[in-house]
Amino acid sequence: KLFCATSNAGKLREFRQAAGGSIEVQGLPALDCPEDGDTFEQNAISKALCYSRAAMSDTAFAGERPLYLFADDSGIEVDALAAAPGVHSARFSGPGATGASNNEMLVEKLRGVPSEGRGARFVCVIALALDGTLLSTFRGEVEGRILEAPVGSEGFGYDPLFFYPPLSCSFAELGAGLKWTHSHRGKAFRQMLEWIGANPPEAHQP
């Protein structure tokens, strides 16, 4: 069983789909954890340790140890915006930001920028913790470019604006399985599962 430190329903759904039936991915209640780092790595680590330390004193976890808990920080980096919005992707359009308002803001900021100048990448960093200790981090990236208008109805966040050249479509036009095969989040998650396979929970027992 893996515990996922997120209240984002879209992320949790993708992690569960990727894990399949062999691994249970359990979500956790939202905690007020700091996410004020300058990098995806800093934020993922901060959140994973915050949740992991809270879990150590939570009676709901009794009998679950040793347990792995992971947190991710992810977003989009746009070349024409000097890698913004980056770690601020979720709140790009300000307080109360939504996926739609963030997409509208990105479209407006890139208005008039030609196709060759609209390069971008999705980035995901996952931090894995055990009983309040950081074990490792895993990073996944995928390159693409930003469309002039949203296309597709699948996915969430910036998916409708992210055109993926290898498949000639936006991420919001991909089914869940195909998206997971190619996505930044899928790459980082598979790295984590490989690491766990080589470092089973019993290896961390005192």
N, C-alpha and C. Protein backbone atom coordinates (compact mmCIF):
# COMPACT_ATOMS: atom_id res chain seq x y z
N LYS A 1 0.84 -1.20 0.00
CA LYS A 1 0.00 0.00 0.00
C LYS A 1 0.88 1.25 0.00
N LEU A 2 0.49 2.21 -0.81
CA LEU A 2 1.17 3.50 -0.86
C LEU A 2 0.18 4.57 -0.43
N PHE A 3 0.65 5.49 0.41
CA PHE A 3 -0.18 6.61 0.81
C PHE A 3 0.23 7.83 0.00
N CYS A 4 -0.78 8.49 -0.58
CA CYS A 4 -0.52 9.62 -1.48
C CYS A 4 -0.94 10.93 -0.80
N ALA A 5 0.01 11.82 -0.63
CA ALA A 5 -0.24 13.10 0.03
C ALA A 5 -0.78 14.11 -0.96
N THR A 6 -2.06 13.97 -1.29
CA THR A 6 -2.68 14.95 -2.19
C THR A 6 -4.17 15.00 -1.95
N SER A 7 -4.74 16.17 -2.17
CA SER A 7 -6.19 16.32 -2.16
C SER A 7 -6.70 16.58 -3.57
N ASN A 8 -5.80 16.49 -4.56
CA ASN A 8 -6.15 16.70 -5.97
C ASN A 8 -6.74 15.41 -6.53
N ALA A 9 -8.03 15.44 -6.81
CA ALA A 9 -8.73 14.23 -7.26
C ALA A 9 -8.18 13.71 -8.58
N GLY A 10 -7.79 14.62 -9.48
CA GLY A 10 -7.24 14.21 -10.76
C GLY A 10 -5.93 13.46 -10.62
N LYS A 11 -5.04 13.98 -9.78
CA LYS A 11 -3.77 13.30 -9.55
C LYS A 11 -3.98 11.93 -8.92
N LEU A 12 -4.83 11.88 -7.89
CA LEU A 12 -5.06 10.62 -7.20
C LEU A 12 -5.64 9.58 -8.14
N ARG A 13 -6.55 9.99 -9.00
CA ARG A 13 -7.15 9.07 -9.97
C ARG A 13 -6.08 8.50 -10.90
N GLU A 14 -5.16 9.35 -11.37
CA GLU A 14 -4.12 8.87 -12.28
C GLU A 14 -3.15 7.93 -11.57
N PHE A 15 -2.78 8.24 -10.33
CA PHE A 15 -1.88 7.36 -9.60
C PHE A 15 -2.53 5.99 -9.38
N ARG A 16 -3.81 5.96 -9.06
CA ARG A 16 -4.50 4.69 -8.84
C ARG A 16 -4.59 3.88 -10.13
N GLN A 17 -4.85 4.55 -11.24
CA GLN A 17 -4.92 3.85 -12.52
C GLN A 17 -3.57 3.26 -12.87
N ALA A 18 -2.51 4.00 -12.58
CA ALA A 18 -1.17 3.53 -12.91
C ALA A 18 -0.74 2.35 -12.05
N ALA A 19 -1.15 2.36 -10.80
CA ALA A 19 -0.75 1.30 -9.88
C ALA A 19 -1.43 -0.02 -10.21
N GLY A 20 -2.60 0.04 -10.85
CA GLY A 20 -3.32 -1.18 -11.18
C GLY A 20 -3.82 -1.87 -9.93
N GLY A 21 -4.01 -3.17 -10.01
CA GLY A 21 -4.56 -3.90 -8.88
C GLY A 21 -3.53 -4.41 -7.90
N SER A 22 -2.25 -4.35 -8.26
CA SER A 22 -1.22 -4.94 -7.42
C SER A 22 -0.83 -4.05 -6.24
N ILE A 23 -1.04 -2.74 -6.38
CA ILE A 23 -0.67 -1.80 -5.34
C ILE A 23 -1.86 -0.90 -5.05
N GLU A 24 -2.20 -0.77 -3.79
CA GLU A 24 -3.28 0.14 -3.39
C GLU A 24 -2.70 1.52 -3.12
N VAL A 25 -3.28 2.54 -3.74
CA VAL A 25 -2.88 3.92 -3.49
C VAL A 25 -3.99 4.59 -2.70
N GLN A 26 -3.69 4.95 -1.48
CA GLN A 26 -4.69 5.52 -0.59
C GLN A 26 -4.45 7.01 -0.42
N GLY A 27 -5.48 7.82 -0.66
CA GLY A 27 -5.37 9.25 -0.45
C GLY A 27 -5.39 9.60 1.02
N LEU A 28 -5.00 10.83 1.33
CA LEU A 28 -4.95 11.30 2.71
C LEU A 28 -5.70 12.62 2.84
N PRO A 29 -6.22 12.91 4.02
CA PRO A 29 -6.89 14.19 4.22
C PRO A 29 -5.91 15.34 4.00
N ALA A 30 -6.44 16.46 3.52
CA ALA A 30 -5.59 17.62 3.26
C ALA A 30 -4.98 18.14 4.55
N LEU A 31 -3.69 18.44 4.51
CA LEU A 31 -2.98 19.06 5.62
C LEU A 31 -2.44 20.40 5.18
N ASP A 32 -2.26 21.29 6.13
CA ASP A 32 -1.70 22.61 5.83
C ASP A 32 -0.18 22.49 5.87
N CYS A 33 0.40 22.08 4.75
CA CYS A 33 1.84 21.89 4.66
C CYS A 33 2.47 23.00 3.82
N PRO A 34 3.66 23.45 4.17
CA PRO A 34 4.31 24.51 3.38
C PRO A 34 4.68 24.02 1.99
N GLU A 35 4.37 24.84 1.00
CA GLU A 35 4.79 24.59 -0.39
C GLU A 35 5.29 25.90 -0.98
N ASP A 36 6.31 26.46 -0.33
CA ASP A 36 6.82 27.77 -0.73
C ASP A 36 8.24 27.69 -1.27
N GLY A 37 8.62 26.51 -1.75
CA GLY A 37 9.96 26.36 -2.30
C GLY A 37 10.09 26.95 -3.68
N ASP A 38 11.32 27.08 -4.14
CA ASP A 38 11.60 27.64 -5.46
C ASP A 38 11.65 26.57 -6.54
N THR A 39 11.65 25.30 -6.14
CA THR A 39 11.74 24.22 -7.12
C THR A 39 10.69 23.16 -6.83
N PHE A 40 10.39 22.34 -7.84
CA PHE A 40 9.46 21.23 -7.64
C PHE A 40 10.00 20.26 -6.59
N GLU A 41 11.31 20.04 -6.59
CA GLU A 41 11.92 19.13 -5.63
C GLU A 41 11.68 19.62 -4.20
N GLN A 42 11.92 20.89 -3.95
CA GLN A 42 11.76 21.43 -2.60
C GLN A 42 10.32 21.27 -2.11
N ASN A 43 9.37 21.56 -2.97
CA ASN A 43 7.97 21.48 -2.56
C ASN A 43 7.52 20.04 -2.34
N ALA A 44 7.94 19.13 -3.21
CA ALA A 44 7.57 17.73 -3.05
C ALA A 44 8.15 17.17 -1.75
N ILE A 45 9.39 17.48 -1.47
CA ILE A 45 10.04 16.99 -0.24
C ILE A 45 9.34 17.56 0.99
N SER A 46 9.08 18.86 0.97
CA SER A 46 8.42 19.50 2.11
C SER A 46 7.07 18.86 2.41
N LYS A 47 6.29 18.62 1.36
CA LYS A 47 4.96 18.05 1.56
C LYS A 47 5.04 16.59 2.03
N ALA A 48 5.95 15.82 1.43
CA ALA A 48 6.07 14.41 1.82
C ALA A 48 6.48 14.28 3.29
N LEU A 49 7.43 15.08 3.72
CA LEU A 49 7.88 15.00 5.11
C LEU A 49 6.80 15.50 6.07
N CYS A 50 6.08 16.53 5.68
CA CYS A 50 4.99 17.06 6.51
C CYS A 50 3.93 15.99 6.74
N TYR A 51 3.49 15.34 5.67
CA TYR A 51 2.48 14.30 5.78
C TYR A 51 3.02 13.08 6.53
N SER A 52 4.25 12.71 6.25
CA SER A 52 4.82 11.50 6.85
C SER A 52 4.97 11.67 8.36
N ARG A 53 5.40 12.84 8.79
CA ARG A 53 5.55 13.08 10.22
C ARG A 53 4.19 13.12 10.92
N ALA A 54 3.19 13.67 10.23
CA ALA A 54 1.84 13.68 10.80
C ALA A 54 1.30 12.26 10.91
N ALA A 55 1.60 11.44 9.92
CA ALA A 55 1.10 10.07 9.92
C ALA A 55 1.68 9.25 11.06
N MET A 56 2.88 9.58 11.50
CA MET A 56 3.52 8.83 12.57
C MET A 56 2.72 8.91 13.87
N SER A 57 1.97 10.01 14.04
CA SER A 57 1.22 10.16 15.29
C SER A 57 -0.28 9.99 15.08
N ASP A 58 -0.68 9.56 13.91
CA ASP A 58 -2.09 9.40 13.57
C ASP A 58 -2.52 7.97 13.85
N THR A 59 -3.48 7.78 14.72
CA THR A 59 -3.91 6.43 15.08
C THR A 59 -4.53 5.68 13.90
N ALA A 60 -4.94 6.42 12.86
CA ALA A 60 -5.52 5.77 11.68
C ALA A 60 -4.50 4.90 10.97
N PHE A 61 -3.22 5.14 11.26
CA PHE A 61 -2.17 4.38 10.60
C PHE A 61 -1.67 3.22 11.45
N ALA A 62 -2.29 2.99 12.57
CA ALA A 62 -1.85 1.91 13.45
C ALA A 62 -1.86 0.58 12.70
N GLY A 63 -0.77 -0.12 12.80
CA GLY A 63 -0.67 -1.42 12.14
C GLY A 63 -0.28 -1.34 10.68
N GLU A 64 -0.10 -0.13 10.15
CA GLU A 64 0.22 0.01 8.74
C GLU A 64 1.73 0.07 8.49
N ARG A 65 2.52 0.30 9.53
CA ARG A 65 3.94 0.47 9.29
C ARG A 65 4.63 -0.87 9.05
N PRO A 66 5.76 -0.90 8.31
CA PRO A 66 6.34 0.26 7.65
C PRO A 66 5.53 0.67 6.41
N LEU A 67 5.33 1.94 6.24
CA LEU A 67 4.53 2.41 5.12
C LEU A 67 5.33 3.43 4.31
N TYR A 68 5.03 3.41 3.02
CA TYR A 68 5.60 4.42 2.13
C TYR A 68 4.55 5.51 1.89
N LEU A 69 4.98 6.74 1.97
CA LEU A 69 4.10 7.88 1.69
C LEU A 69 4.80 8.75 0.66
N PHE A 70 4.06 9.14 -0.37
CA PHE A 70 4.69 9.98 -1.39
C PHE A 70 3.87 11.23 -1.66
N ALA A 71 4.56 12.26 -2.08
CA ALA A 71 3.93 13.52 -2.48
C ALA A 71 4.58 13.97 -3.77
N ASP A 72 3.80 14.63 -4.59
CA ASP A 72 4.38 15.15 -5.83
C ASP A 72 4.15 16.65 -5.92
N ASP A 73 5.03 17.31 -6.63
CA ASP A 73 4.79 18.69 -7.05
C ASP A 73 5.03 18.71 -8.54
N SER A 74 4.11 19.29 -9.25
CA SER A 74 4.21 19.26 -10.71
C SER A 74 3.65 20.55 -11.28
N GLY A 75 4.00 20.80 -12.52
CA GLY A 75 3.52 22.00 -13.18
C GLY A 75 4.06 22.09 -14.59
N ILE A 76 3.85 23.24 -15.19
CA ILE A 76 4.27 23.44 -16.57
C ILE A 76 5.27 24.59 -16.65
N GLU A 77 6.30 24.41 -17.44
CA GLU A 77 7.30 25.45 -17.69
C GLU A 77 7.20 25.87 -19.15
N VAL A 78 7.02 27.16 -19.37
CA VAL A 78 6.85 27.69 -20.73
C VAL A 78 8.07 28.52 -21.10
N ASP A 79 8.71 28.15 -22.20
CA ASP A 79 9.96 28.80 -22.59
C ASP A 79 9.80 30.31 -22.76
N ALA A 80 8.72 30.74 -23.41
CA ALA A 80 8.52 32.16 -23.69
C ALA A 80 8.26 32.97 -22.42
N LEU A 81 7.97 32.29 -21.32
CA LEU A 81 7.71 32.97 -20.05
C LEU A 81 8.84 32.70 -19.06
N ALA A 82 10.02 32.40 -19.57
CA ALA A 82 11.19 32.14 -18.72
C ALA A 82 10.91 31.04 -17.71
N ALA A 83 10.28 29.96 -18.17
CA ALA A 83 9.97 28.76 -17.39
C ALA A 83 8.81 28.96 -16.41
N ALA A 84 8.14 30.11 -16.47
CA ALA A 84 6.91 30.28 -15.67
C ALA A 84 5.78 29.52 -16.36
N PRO A 85 4.71 29.17 -15.66
CA PRO A 85 4.48 29.42 -14.24
C PRO A 85 5.22 28.49 -13.28
N GLY A 86 5.77 27.39 -13.74
CA GLY A 86 6.60 26.53 -12.90
C GLY A 86 5.90 26.10 -11.63
N VAL A 87 6.55 26.35 -10.48
CA VAL A 87 5.99 25.91 -9.20
C VAL A 87 4.72 26.66 -8.84
N HIS A 88 4.41 27.72 -9.57
CA HIS A 88 3.18 28.48 -9.33
C HIS A 88 2.06 28.08 -10.28
N SER A 89 2.19 26.94 -10.95
CA SER A 89 1.23 26.54 -11.98
C SER A 89 -0.20 26.47 -11.46
N ALA A 90 -0.40 25.93 -10.27
CA ALA A 90 -1.76 25.73 -9.75
C ALA A 90 -2.46 27.04 -9.43
N ARG A 91 -1.68 28.09 -9.15
CA ARG A 91 -2.28 29.38 -8.79
C ARG A 91 -1.80 30.49 -9.72
N PHE A 92 -1.55 30.12 -10.97
CA PHE A 92 -1.02 31.05 -11.97
C PHE A 92 -1.90 32.28 -12.14
N SER A 93 -3.22 32.09 -12.13
CA SER A 93 -4.14 33.20 -12.37
C SER A 93 -4.57 33.91 -11.09
N GLY A 94 -3.91 33.60 -9.97
CA GLY A 94 -4.18 34.32 -8.74
C GLY A 94 -5.01 33.53 -7.75
N PRO A 95 -5.39 34.18 -6.63
CA PRO A 95 -6.21 33.52 -5.61
C PRO A 95 -7.51 33.00 -6.22
N GLY A 96 -7.90 31.81 -5.79
CA GLY A 96 -9.11 31.22 -6.34
C GLY A 96 -8.96 30.68 -7.74
N ALA A 97 -7.71 30.47 -8.17
CA ALA A 97 -7.45 29.99 -9.53
C ALA A 97 -8.10 28.64 -9.78
N THR A 98 -8.55 28.43 -11.01
CA THR A 98 -9.10 27.15 -11.45
C THR A 98 -8.32 26.72 -12.69
N GLY A 99 -8.55 25.49 -13.13
CA GLY A 99 -7.91 25.04 -14.36
C GLY A 99 -8.27 25.93 -15.53
N ALA A 100 -9.54 26.30 -15.61
CA ALA A 100 -9.99 27.14 -16.72
C ALA A 100 -9.35 28.52 -16.67
N SER A 101 -9.30 29.13 -15.48
CA SER A 101 -8.73 30.48 -15.38
C SER A 101 -7.23 30.48 -15.63
N ASN A 102 -6.55 29.41 -15.22
CA ASN A 102 -5.11 29.30 -15.49
C ASN A 102 -4.86 29.16 -16.99
N ASN A 103 -5.68 28.36 -17.66
CA ASN A 103 -5.54 28.20 -19.11
C ASN A 103 -5.80 29.51 -19.84
N GLU A 104 -6.81 30.25 -19.40
CA GLU A 104 -7.11 31.54 -20.01
C GLU A 104 -5.94 32.51 -19.84
N MET A 105 -5.34 32.51 -18.66
CA MET A 105 -4.20 33.38 -18.41
C MET A 105 -3.02 33.01 -19.31
N LEU A 106 -2.77 31.72 -19.48
CA LEU A 106 -1.65 31.28 -20.31
C LEU A 106 -1.89 31.64 -21.77
N VAL A 107 -3.10 31.44 -22.25
CA VAL A 107 -3.43 31.81 -23.63
C VAL A 107 -3.19 33.30 -23.84
N GLU A 108 -3.61 34.12 -22.90
CA GLU A 108 -3.46 35.57 -23.03
C GLU A 108 -1.99 35.98 -23.02
N LYS A 109 -1.21 35.40 -22.15
CA LYS A 109 0.20 35.78 -22.05
C LYS A 109 1.00 35.38 -23.29
N LEU A 110 0.52 34.34 -24.00
CA LEU A 110 1.24 33.90 -25.20
C LEU A 110 0.61 34.41 -26.48
N ARG A 111 -0.36 35.29 -26.35
CA ARG A 111 -1.03 35.81 -27.55
C ARG A 111 -0.01 36.48 -28.48
N GLY A 112 0.00 36.06 -29.73
CA GLY A 112 0.93 36.62 -30.71
C GLY A 112 2.26 35.92 -30.80
N VAL A 113 2.54 34.98 -29.88
CA VAL A 113 3.80 34.24 -29.93
C VAL A 113 3.67 33.13 -30.98
N PRO A 114 4.57 33.07 -31.96
CA PRO A 114 4.46 32.05 -33.01
C PRO A 114 4.68 30.65 -32.48
N SER A 115 4.28 29.65 -33.26
CA SER A 115 4.35 28.26 -32.85
C SER A 115 5.74 27.85 -32.39
N GLU A 116 6.77 28.30 -33.13
CA GLU A 116 8.13 27.89 -32.79
C GLU A 116 8.60 28.47 -31.46
N GLY A 117 7.91 29.46 -30.95
CA GLY A 117 8.29 30.07 -29.67
C GLY A 117 7.43 29.62 -28.51
N ARG A 118 6.59 28.60 -28.72
CA ARG A 118 5.65 28.19 -27.69
C ARG A 118 6.04 26.87 -27.01
N GLY A 119 7.33 26.56 -27.04
CA GLY A 119 7.81 25.34 -26.40
C GLY A 119 7.53 25.32 -24.91
N ALA A 120 7.25 24.14 -24.38
CA ALA A 120 6.93 24.00 -22.96
C ALA A 120 7.18 22.56 -22.52
N ARG A 121 7.20 22.37 -21.23
CA ARG A 121 7.36 21.01 -20.70
C ARG A 121 6.55 20.87 -19.42
N PHE A 122 5.99 19.70 -19.24
CA PHE A 122 5.40 19.32 -17.97
C PHE A 122 6.50 18.69 -17.12
N VAL A 123 6.51 19.03 -15.84
CA VAL A 123 7.50 18.48 -14.91
C VAL A 123 6.78 17.93 -13.69
N CYS A 124 7.21 16.78 -13.24
CA CYS A 124 6.69 16.20 -12.00
C CYS A 124 7.86 15.67 -11.17
N VAL A 125 7.88 16.02 -9.90
CA VAL A 125 8.84 15.45 -8.97
C VAL A 125 8.06 14.78 -7.84
N ILE A 126 8.38 13.52 -7.59
CA ILE A 126 7.77 12.77 -6.50
C ILE A 126 8.82 12.57 -5.41
N ALA A 127 8.41 12.84 -4.17
CA ALA A 127 9.27 12.59 -3.01
C ALA A 127 8.66 11.43 -2.22
N LEU A 128 9.48 10.47 -1.86
CA LEU A 128 9.04 9.28 -1.13
C LEU A 128 9.60 9.32 0.29
N ALA A 129 8.72 9.14 1.27
CA ALA A 129 9.15 9.20 2.67
C ALA A 129 8.66 7.98 3.44
N LEU A 130 9.35 7.70 4.52
CA LEU A 130 8.98 6.60 5.42
C LEU A 130 9.21 7.05 6.84
N ASP A 131 8.15 7.07 7.64
CA ASP A 131 8.24 7.45 9.05
C ASP A 131 9.03 8.74 9.26
N GLY A 132 8.69 9.76 8.50
CA GLY A 132 9.28 11.07 8.69
C GLY A 132 10.66 11.27 8.09
N THR A 133 11.13 10.30 7.32
CA THR A 133 12.45 10.39 6.71
C THR A 133 12.33 10.34 5.19
N LEU A 134 13.02 11.24 4.50
CA LEU A 134 13.03 11.23 3.04
C LEU A 134 13.87 10.06 2.55
N LEU A 135 13.31 9.27 1.63
CA LEU A 135 14.03 8.14 1.06
C LEU A 135 14.66 8.49 -0.28
N SER A 136 13.88 9.12 -1.17
CA SER A 136 14.41 9.44 -2.49
C SER A 136 13.43 10.36 -3.21
N THR A 137 13.88 10.94 -4.31
CA THR A 137 13.01 11.73 -5.18
C THR A 137 13.13 11.20 -6.60
N PHE A 138 12.09 11.45 -7.39
CA PHE A 138 12.00 10.93 -8.76
C PHE A 138 11.42 12.03 -9.64
N ARG A 139 12.04 12.26 -10.80
CA ARG A 139 11.65 13.37 -11.66
C ARG A 139 11.28 12.88 -13.06
N GLY A 140 10.15 13.37 -13.55
CA GLY A 140 9.72 13.05 -14.90
C GLY A 140 9.41 14.32 -15.66
N GLU A 141 9.76 14.37 -16.95
CA GLU A 141 9.48 15.52 -17.80
C GLU A 141 8.96 15.05 -19.15
N VAL A 142 8.16 15.89 -19.79
CA VAL A 142 7.69 15.61 -21.14
C VAL A 142 7.63 16.94 -21.89
N GLU A 143 8.18 16.95 -23.11
CA GLU A 143 8.26 18.16 -23.91
C GLU A 143 7.08 18.28 -24.86
N GLY A 144 6.66 19.53 -25.10
CA GLY A 144 5.59 19.80 -26.04
C GLY A 144 5.54 21.28 -26.36
N ARG A 145 4.37 21.76 -26.74
CA ARG A 145 4.21 23.20 -26.97
C ARG A 145 2.79 23.62 -26.62
N ILE A 146 2.61 24.90 -26.40
CA ILE A 146 1.33 25.43 -25.96
C ILE A 146 0.48 25.83 -27.16
N LEU A 147 -0.74 25.33 -27.20
CA LEU A 147 -1.68 25.66 -28.26
C LEU A 147 -2.27 27.05 -28.05
N GLU A 148 -2.88 27.58 -29.10
CA GLU A 148 -3.50 28.90 -29.00
C GLU A 148 -4.87 28.84 -28.35
N ALA A 149 -5.47 27.67 -28.27
CA ALA A 149 -6.76 27.49 -27.63
C ALA A 149 -6.86 26.05 -27.11
N PRO A 150 -7.63 25.81 -26.06
CA PRO A 150 -7.76 24.46 -25.52
C PRO A 150 -8.35 23.48 -26.54
N VAL A 151 -7.85 22.24 -26.49
CA VAL A 151 -8.36 21.17 -27.36
C VAL A 151 -8.50 19.91 -26.53
N GLY A 152 -9.67 19.27 -26.58
CA GLY A 152 -9.88 18.03 -25.86
C GLY A 152 -10.60 18.22 -24.54
N SER A 153 -11.16 17.13 -24.03
CA SER A 153 -11.97 17.21 -22.81
C SER A 153 -11.52 16.24 -21.73
N GLU A 154 -10.44 15.52 -21.97
CA GLU A 154 -9.92 14.59 -20.96
C GLU A 154 -8.90 15.30 -20.08
N GLY A 155 -8.45 14.59 -19.05
CA GLY A 155 -7.38 15.14 -18.21
C GLY A 155 -7.85 16.29 -17.34
N PHE A 156 -6.89 17.11 -16.92
CA PHE A 156 -7.18 18.24 -16.06
C PHE A 156 -6.04 19.25 -16.17
N GLY A 157 -6.17 20.38 -15.49
CA GLY A 157 -5.10 21.37 -15.49
C GLY A 157 -4.83 21.93 -16.87
N TYR A 158 -3.56 21.94 -17.25
CA TYR A 158 -3.13 22.51 -18.53
C TYR A 158 -3.19 21.51 -19.68
N ASP A 159 -3.71 20.32 -19.44
CA ASP A 159 -3.75 19.29 -20.49
C ASP A 159 -4.36 19.77 -21.81
N PRO A 160 -5.45 20.57 -21.81
CA PRO A 160 -6.05 20.98 -23.09
C PRO A 160 -5.17 21.91 -23.93
N LEU A 161 -4.20 22.55 -23.28
CA LEU A 161 -3.32 23.47 -24.01
C LEU A 161 -1.97 22.85 -24.38
N PHE A 162 -1.70 21.66 -23.87
CA PHE A 162 -0.38 21.06 -24.07
C PHE A 162 -0.41 20.11 -25.26
N PHE A 163 0.20 20.53 -26.35
CA PHE A 163 0.28 19.72 -27.57
C PHE A 163 1.51 18.84 -27.50
N TYR A 164 1.29 17.54 -27.73
CA TYR A 164 2.36 16.55 -27.63
C TYR A 164 2.72 16.04 -29.03
N PRO A 165 3.81 16.53 -29.62
CA PRO A 165 4.16 16.21 -31.01
C PRO A 165 4.24 14.73 -31.35
N PRO A 166 4.80 13.85 -30.50
CA PRO A 166 4.90 12.44 -30.89
C PRO A 166 3.56 11.79 -31.23
N LEU A 167 2.47 12.27 -30.61
CA LEU A 167 1.15 11.70 -30.88
C LEU A 167 0.24 12.69 -31.62
N SER A 168 0.77 13.87 -31.94
CA SER A 168 0.03 14.88 -32.71
C SER A 168 -1.33 15.22 -32.11
N CYS A 169 -1.36 15.39 -30.79
CA CYS A 169 -2.61 15.77 -30.13
C CYS A 169 -2.28 16.41 -28.78
N SER A 170 -3.30 16.99 -28.18
CA SER A 170 -3.12 17.55 -26.85
C SER A 170 -3.23 16.44 -25.81
N PHE A 171 -2.74 16.71 -24.61
CA PHE A 171 -2.86 15.73 -23.53
C PHE A 171 -4.32 15.49 -23.17
N ALA A 172 -5.17 16.47 -23.43
CA ALA A 172 -6.59 16.32 -23.11
C ALA A 172 -7.33 15.48 -24.14
N GLU A 173 -6.63 15.05 -25.18
CA GLU A 173 -7.23 14.15 -26.17
C GLU A 173 -6.80 12.71 -25.96
N LEU A 174 -5.95 12.48 -24.97
CA LEU A 174 -5.45 11.13 -24.70
C LEU A 174 -6.34 10.42 -23.68
N GLY A 175 -6.55 9.14 -23.87
CA GLY A 175 -7.20 8.33 -22.86
C GLY A 175 -6.27 8.17 -21.67
N ALA A 176 -6.82 7.76 -20.54
CA ALA A 176 -6.03 7.68 -19.31
C ALA A 176 -4.80 6.80 -19.46
N GLY A 177 -4.95 5.63 -20.07
CA GLY A 177 -3.82 4.72 -20.20
C GLY A 177 -2.71 5.27 -21.07
N LEU A 178 -3.09 5.85 -22.19
CA LEU A 178 -2.10 6.40 -23.11
C LEU A 178 -1.40 7.61 -22.51
N LYS A 179 -2.18 8.44 -21.83
CA LYS A 179 -1.57 9.60 -21.19
C LYS A 179 -0.55 9.17 -20.15
N TRP A 180 -0.92 8.17 -19.36
CA TRP A 180 -0.01 7.73 -18.30
C TRP A 180 1.29 7.19 -18.87
N THR A 181 1.21 6.55 -20.03
CA THR A 181 2.41 6.01 -20.67
C THR A 181 3.40 7.10 -21.02
N HIS A 182 2.89 8.27 -21.39
CA HIS A 182 3.76 9.33 -21.90
C HIS A 182 3.98 10.49 -20.93
N SER A 183 3.19 10.59 -19.89
CA SER A 183 3.19 11.81 -19.08
C SER A 183 4.37 11.91 -18.12
N HIS A 184 4.62 13.13 -17.69
CA HIS A 184 5.63 13.43 -16.69
C HIS A 184 5.34 12.71 -15.38
N ARG A 185 4.07 12.68 -15.00
CA ARG A 185 3.68 12.03 -13.75
C ARG A 185 3.88 10.52 -13.85
N GLY A 186 3.56 9.96 -15.00
CA GLY A 186 3.76 8.53 -15.20
C GLY A 186 5.23 8.15 -15.13
N LYS A 187 6.09 8.97 -15.74
CA LYS A 187 7.53 8.68 -15.71
C LYS A 187 8.07 8.69 -14.29
N ALA A 188 7.69 9.71 -13.51
CA ALA A 188 8.18 9.79 -12.14
C ALA A 188 7.64 8.65 -11.28
N PHE A 189 6.37 8.31 -11.47
CA PHE A 189 5.74 7.25 -10.68
C PHE A 189 6.38 5.90 -10.97
N ARG A 190 6.66 5.62 -12.24
CA ARG A 190 7.30 4.34 -12.58
C ARG A 190 8.70 4.25 -11.99
N GLN A 191 9.43 5.38 -11.97
CA GLN A 191 10.74 5.38 -11.33
C GLN A 191 10.62 5.02 -9.85
N MET A 192 9.58 5.59 -9.20
CA MET A 192 9.38 5.31 -7.78
C MET A 192 9.06 3.84 -7.55
N LEU A 193 8.19 3.26 -8.37
CA LEU A 193 7.84 1.84 -8.20
C LEU A 193 9.06 0.95 -8.41
N GLU A 194 9.91 1.29 -9.37
CA GLU A 194 11.14 0.52 -9.58
C GLU A 194 12.03 0.60 -8.34
N TRP A 195 12.13 1.79 -7.76
CA TRP A 195 12.95 1.96 -6.56
C TRP A 195 12.39 1.14 -5.41
N ILE A 196 11.07 1.18 -5.23
CA ILE A 196 10.45 0.41 -4.15
C ILE A 196 10.66 -1.09 -4.37
N GLY A 197 10.59 -1.52 -5.64
CA GLY A 197 10.82 -2.92 -5.93
C GLY A 197 12.21 -3.38 -5.52
N ALA A 198 13.18 -2.47 -5.61
CA ALA A 198 14.55 -2.80 -5.24
C ALA A 198 14.83 -2.53 -3.76
N ASN A 199 13.89 -1.84 -3.08
CA ASN A 199 14.06 -1.50 -1.68
C ASN A 199 12.76 -1.78 -0.92
N PRO A 200 12.42 -3.06 -0.72
CA PRO A 200 11.15 -3.40 -0.08
C PRO A 200 11.05 -2.84 1.32
N PRO A 201 9.83 -2.68 1.84
CA PRO A 201 9.65 -2.09 3.16
C PRO A 201 10.46 -2.78 4.25
N GLU A 202 10.63 -4.09 4.13
CA GLU A 202 11.35 -4.84 5.16
C GLU A 202 12.80 -4.35 5.31
N ALA A 203 13.33 -3.79 4.22
CA ALA A 203 14.71 -3.31 4.26
C ALA A 203 14.88 -2.13 5.19
N HIS A 204 13.77 -1.46 5.53
CA HIS A 204 13.84 -0.26 6.36
C HIS A 204 13.46 -0.55 7.81
N GLN A 205 13.18 -1.80 8.13
CA GLN A 205 12.83 -2.14 9.49
C GLN A 205 14.08 -2.06 10.36
N PRO A 206 13.93 -1.58 11.60
CA PRO A 206 15.10 -1.52 12.49
C PRO A 206 15.61 -2.92 12.83
